[in-house]
């Protein structure tokens, strides 16, 4: 989950977007089923 915070930087998005996006949730499929992964404060 910490890797998710390295994908977007403030410079990559429009002004004001980092303040609007507090969490991103991704549903991923694993061999033992699906899991909901939450990345908190994804844009740094």
N, C-alpha and C. Protein backbone atom coordinates (compact mmCIF):
# COMPACT_ATOMS: atom_id res chain seq x y z
N UNK A 1 0.81 -1.19 0.00
CA UNK A 1 0.00 0.00 0.00
C UNK A 1 0.86 1.25 0.00
N UNK A 2 2.00 1.20 0.61
CA UNK A 2 2.85 2.39 0.63
C UNK A 2 3.36 2.71 -0.78
N UNK A 3 3.50 1.69 -1.62
CA UNK A 3 3.92 1.94 -3.01
C UNK A 3 2.92 2.83 -3.73
N UNK A 4 1.64 2.69 -3.40
CA UNK A 4 0.61 3.50 -4.03
C UNK A 4 0.80 4.99 -3.84
N UNK A 5 1.46 5.38 -2.78
CA UNK A 5 1.69 6.80 -2.53
C UNK A 5 2.84 7.36 -3.36
N UNK A 6 3.55 6.52 -4.10
CA UNK A 6 4.67 6.99 -4.91
C UNK A 6 4.29 7.18 -6.37
N UNK A 7 3.07 6.82 -6.76
CA UNK A 7 2.69 6.85 -8.16
C UNK A 7 2.33 8.24 -8.67
N UNK A 8 1.70 9.05 -7.86
CA UNK A 8 1.33 10.41 -8.25
C UNK A 8 1.94 11.42 -7.30
N UNK A 9 2.47 12.49 -7.89
CA UNK A 9 2.98 13.60 -7.08
C UNK A 9 2.09 14.81 -7.30
N UNK A 10 2.22 15.79 -6.44
CA UNK A 10 1.43 17.02 -6.59
C UNK A 10 1.65 17.66 -7.95
N UNK A 11 2.84 17.52 -8.49
CA UNK A 11 3.17 18.11 -9.79
C UNK A 11 2.46 17.40 -10.94
N UNK A 12 1.96 16.19 -10.70
CA UNK A 12 1.32 15.39 -11.75
C UNK A 12 -0.17 15.68 -11.92
N UNK A 13 -0.77 16.39 -10.98
CA UNK A 13 -2.21 16.62 -11.01
C UNK A 13 -2.52 18.11 -10.97
N UNK A 14 -3.76 18.44 -11.29
CA UNK A 14 -4.18 19.85 -11.27
C UNK A 14 -4.19 20.40 -9.85
N UNK A 15 -4.05 21.71 -9.77
CA UNK A 15 -4.06 22.39 -8.48
C UNK A 15 -5.37 22.09 -7.74
N UNK A 16 -5.27 21.79 -6.47
CA UNK A 16 -6.44 21.53 -5.64
C UNK A 16 -6.84 20.06 -5.56
N UNK A 17 -6.38 19.25 -6.49
CA UNK A 17 -6.77 17.83 -6.50
C UNK A 17 -6.24 17.08 -5.28
N UNK A 18 -4.98 17.26 -4.87
CA UNK A 18 -4.49 16.51 -3.70
C UNK A 18 -5.33 16.73 -2.45
N UNK A 19 -5.88 17.93 -2.30
CA UNK A 19 -6.70 18.22 -1.13
C UNK A 19 -8.08 17.56 -1.22
N UNK A 20 -8.52 17.22 -2.42
CA UNK A 20 -9.84 16.59 -2.60
C UNK A 20 -9.80 15.07 -2.48
N UNK A 21 -8.65 14.46 -2.80
CA UNK A 21 -8.54 13.01 -2.82
C UNK A 21 -7.85 12.55 -1.54
N UNK A 22 -8.62 12.01 -0.62
CA UNK A 22 -8.08 11.57 0.66
C UNK A 22 -7.78 10.07 0.66
N UNK A 23 -8.56 9.30 -0.08
CA UNK A 23 -8.38 7.85 -0.14
C UNK A 23 -8.65 7.37 -1.56
N UNK A 24 -7.93 6.33 -1.97
CA UNK A 24 -8.21 5.62 -3.21
C UNK A 24 -8.37 4.16 -2.83
N UNK A 25 -9.45 3.55 -3.31
CA UNK A 25 -9.69 2.14 -3.01
C UNK A 25 -9.64 1.34 -4.30
N UNK A 26 -8.94 0.21 -4.25
CA UNK A 26 -8.78 -0.68 -5.39
C UNK A 26 -9.18 -2.08 -4.95
N UNK A 27 -10.03 -2.71 -5.73
CA UNK A 27 -10.38 -4.10 -5.44
C UNK A 27 -9.49 -4.98 -6.31
N UNK A 28 -8.65 -5.76 -5.68
CA UNK A 28 -7.69 -6.61 -6.39
C UNK A 28 -8.04 -8.08 -6.19
N UNK A 29 -7.75 -8.87 -7.23
CA UNK A 29 -8.01 -10.31 -7.16
C UNK A 29 -6.73 -11.05 -6.83
N UNK A 30 -6.79 -11.88 -5.81
CA UNK A 30 -5.68 -12.71 -5.37
C UNK A 30 -6.11 -14.17 -5.46
N UNK A 31 -5.16 -15.11 -5.38
CA UNK A 31 -5.53 -16.53 -5.46
C UNK A 31 -6.58 -16.94 -4.42
N UNK A 32 -6.60 -16.28 -3.27
CA UNK A 32 -7.56 -16.65 -2.23
C UNK A 32 -8.82 -15.78 -2.23
N UNK A 33 -9.01 -15.00 -3.29
CA UNK A 33 -10.21 -14.17 -3.41
C UNK A 33 -9.88 -12.71 -3.66
N UNK A 34 -10.90 -11.87 -3.59
CA UNK A 34 -10.68 -10.45 -3.82
C UNK A 34 -10.47 -9.73 -2.49
N UNK A 35 -9.69 -8.67 -2.55
CA UNK A 35 -9.39 -7.86 -1.37
C UNK A 35 -9.56 -6.39 -1.75
N UNK A 36 -10.05 -5.61 -0.82
CA UNK A 36 -10.15 -4.18 -1.01
C UNK A 36 -8.93 -3.52 -0.38
N UNK A 37 -8.16 -2.83 -1.20
CA UNK A 37 -6.94 -2.16 -0.74
C UNK A 37 -7.21 -0.66 -0.72
N UNK A 38 -6.90 -0.02 0.39
CA UNK A 38 -7.10 1.43 0.53
C UNK A 38 -5.76 2.12 0.66
N UNK A 39 -5.54 3.14 -0.16
CA UNK A 39 -4.34 3.96 -0.07
C UNK A 39 -4.78 5.32 0.49
N UNK A 40 -4.27 5.67 1.66
CA UNK A 40 -4.60 6.94 2.30
C UNK A 40 -3.66 8.03 1.81
N UNK A 41 -4.19 9.20 1.54
CA UNK A 41 -3.41 10.34 1.03
C UNK A 41 -2.50 9.90 -0.12
N UNK A 42 -3.08 9.47 -1.25
CA UNK A 42 -2.30 8.89 -2.34
C UNK A 42 -1.45 9.89 -3.12
N UNK A 43 -1.78 11.17 -3.05
CA UNK A 43 -1.04 12.18 -3.81
C UNK A 43 -0.22 13.00 -2.82
N UNK A 44 1.10 12.89 -2.96
CA UNK A 44 2.00 13.58 -2.02
C UNK A 44 2.96 14.49 -2.74
